[in-house]
Amino acid sequence: MNLNLPSSSLAAGSMITPGVSFLGRTVVLAGSLYLGTVHLARFATKSGISLPPWILLLGVTSSIPIGFALRILYIGIVRRRQAARMGARLASPLKGKRFGNIDIMLKLVDRFNNGYPGDGLAEFVAEFGTCFNIHVMFEDLIFTVEPSHIKTILASDFENYVKGDKFRHTMSSVLGTGVFNSDGEMWKFHRSMTRPFFSHDRISHFNTFDRHAENAITQMKARFSAGYPVDFQDLMSRFTLDSATEFLFGHCVHSLSAGLPYPHNVAMTDALTGKAKIAEDFAQAFADAQTLIAQRPRKGWVWPLFEIFKDNTAAPMRIVNSFIDPILKEAIAKKRSHASGEKNVDNDDTTLLDHLVQTTTDPVVLKDEILNIMIAGRDTTAGTLTVALYLLSTHPHVMTRLREEVMTKVGPTDRPTYDNIRDMKYLRAVINETMRLFSPVPLNVRESVNASTLPATSHLDKPIYVPPKTSIAYSVFLMHRRKDLWGPDADEFDPDRFLDERLQKYLTPKPFIFLPFNAGPRICLGQQFAYNEMSFMLIRLLQSFSSITLHPEAQHPDTLPPADWAQAEGRKSREQFWPKVHLTIYAHGGLWIRMTEAENAD
C-alpha cells in the first residue's frame, strides 16, 4: 500500500516566516474591527445621526482594545458558568504585576535559559498547589504536576487531549507531522506504520550497539591514556547518533569518526573533513533546531513576533535535510525498483526506513517520522546515559554494587545478552532512578478538544474545569520529585527505592507517579529498545572501567552551576553539573570525566 498523505509541516525553504504569518492574521482581525466601525458610522449617517469626526476617529482607534476587552470579559463569564454547571471550579490563575502577566512570562523564559529545570514553575507549585492557570497574555495555560490529572490527559480521557493546532504550529518546522506532532488519523497512521518494527527480535539484536560501544570505549581509553578527560555527553551523543542512524536509515553518520573534543583550555583541535565534518554539522544542527523550537512556547502565543524576518529553525534544518534527503531518495528509488506488488523481505538487516517505504513513499511523511523517532531514540538515551554516569560518579557505592552485578551476571568480557539484561534488577533500578530524578522529557503539553474536568485533588475540593481549546502543560520532572508521592528522600539518588518496601508503598499503588516514557495510547514505542541500549552501554562501560571522577575544570566556566545555586533548596544546592532542557534533558557544557580502567578489562 502506498499512501501519499498530506503534510502540514512548514517547509524549511518557505518564504513566509512565522512572524509574517502571525502579523497577517492580526491585520485581518484589526481590519474586520475597523470595517465594523466604518459600517456603524455609515448606518448612523443614513439614520440621520450626525457624529463629529473625533468620535469616528475615537471609535476606529479604540475598536481593537475595546473588542479585545469585551472578548476577555465574555469568555470569563461563559467559563465560570460552564464550570458551575459541571460542578467544577476554574484553575487558580497566577496574578502578575504587569499587563497580561508578561512579568511571569519573562520570569519563566529567564529561568528556562539560565536556571535549573523546573525553576519558576516549582516556586508556583509551592505557592499555588499542584494545578494552576499561568494565563500569559490573556491566554489560558493550565499547568499540573498531579498524577490523577496526567492520567486523565494521557489515558482515561485520551481522545479529548491532543497535541493541538498551537503545538503543531509551534513545532512543525522541525517535527513536521511526525508521530510526536500529529493527532487523529495522521497520528494513528504514523503509530501503526512504526509499531511493527519495534518487535522483540529486533530490539534485542545487539550487533549495532556492540560495534559502536566498542568504538566509543576505545576512543575513551585512548584519550585517558593521553592524559585528558572526556566529555561523556559528547561521546554518548555520538554513540547514540551512530547507532540510531544505522538502525533507522542503514546509513551510519559515523560521528564517532570525527574524534573527541578536548577540554576548553587545551589548544588542540582536529580539523574535520569529509564524513566527519558532515556528521559534526548534522549533530549540531539537529540539536540547535530542537533548542529553537523548545524556546517558542515559553514566549506565549506572541512567539512568532520574535521570528518576523526569518524562521529561526530554517538554517539548522537545511543542514539536517541535506543529510536526510539523499538517504530518503535512495530508499524510495530502491522501493520503486522492485516489481509492482513485490515486497522486500523483512529481516534483521531491515532498517526502519526500509520498513516505512513499504507503507508510503511520500518523502515528507518519511522525513517527519524518521526525525521524530530519532529524537526519541537518540537524544533521550544520550541524556539519560550522561546523567547516569554523573550519578554513579557522585555515588561510588552504587557504582561498586552495579559493577558487582555486571561481573556476576555477565562477566568481565562477555557480550551482554537480552536474558542477561532482563535478569539484572539493580541495573534496571539504577536506570529507573536516573530517569526519575532527571526525566528525559521534563515538560509536555496537550490541548483540550471539548470542555472537561480534571479530578479533584482532595475530597474537600472540586474538579478543575478545563475549557475547550485550552493548553495544558504537565511536568513529569517536578512530579517525580514530589516528596508527598515519593517519600521524604525524593531528592536523593537511591536505586533501592525501586527494589525495597518503598516500591510497594509509593509506586505500585500509584503507577502514574513514574512516567519516563509517557503513558496511555501514546506511550513510547521504543521503551524496551531504550532500556536495552542504555543497559548494554552501561554494562560495557563497567566491564571496562572500575571508577569515575568528574573534571569540571575541563569545561568552560560559564557552563558550570552558578555559585548562587549553593543557597537554593533541594538537589539544586549540591548539583555538580548544569542540567538544561531543549526538548529533552542535557548537561550544559557537557560532562567531563576520567575513568579508571578495570584490571580484568582487555
Foldseek 3Di string as FASTA:
>chain_A
DADQDDWPFDELPDPAFLLNVVVVVVVVVLVVLLVVLVVVVVVCVVVVHDDDPVVSVCSSVCSVVVVVVVVLVVVVVVQCVVQVVVFAAAFAEDDADDPQLVVLLVVVLCCQVFHFPCPSVVVCCVVRNFWHWDRGNNATEIEGADLLQLCCCFAVVVLFWACDDLNLVLQRNQLICACVRHDDPSNVVNCVLQQVVLDPVQLQPCPLLVVLLVLLVVLQVVQVVVPFWFQLLVSLLLSLQQSLCCQAQVDGLPCSVLHGDGFPPDPDDDDDDDSNVLSVLLSVLLVVLLQVSLSQPSSPPSSSSVARPHHVSSVSVVSNCVVVVVSLVVLLVVVVVDPPPDADDDDNSQHSSSSNVVHHSNSSHSVSHSSVVSCVRRQLLSALLQLLQVQCQVVVVLLQVLLVLLCVQARLDHQDGPVSLVPRLLLVLSSQLSCLQFQFQFKDKIFGAAWDWRCDPDPVHGTHIDHHRHMYMYGLNVLSQDCVQQNPCSLDRDSCCCPDPVCVVHCPVRVSSRQSQRDHPNGDSCPSSSSVSSSSSVSNVSSWFRHKHWDVVSFDPVQFLDPVLCVPDGPSNPDGFRWHDRSTIHTRRGTIMHTHTDPPHD
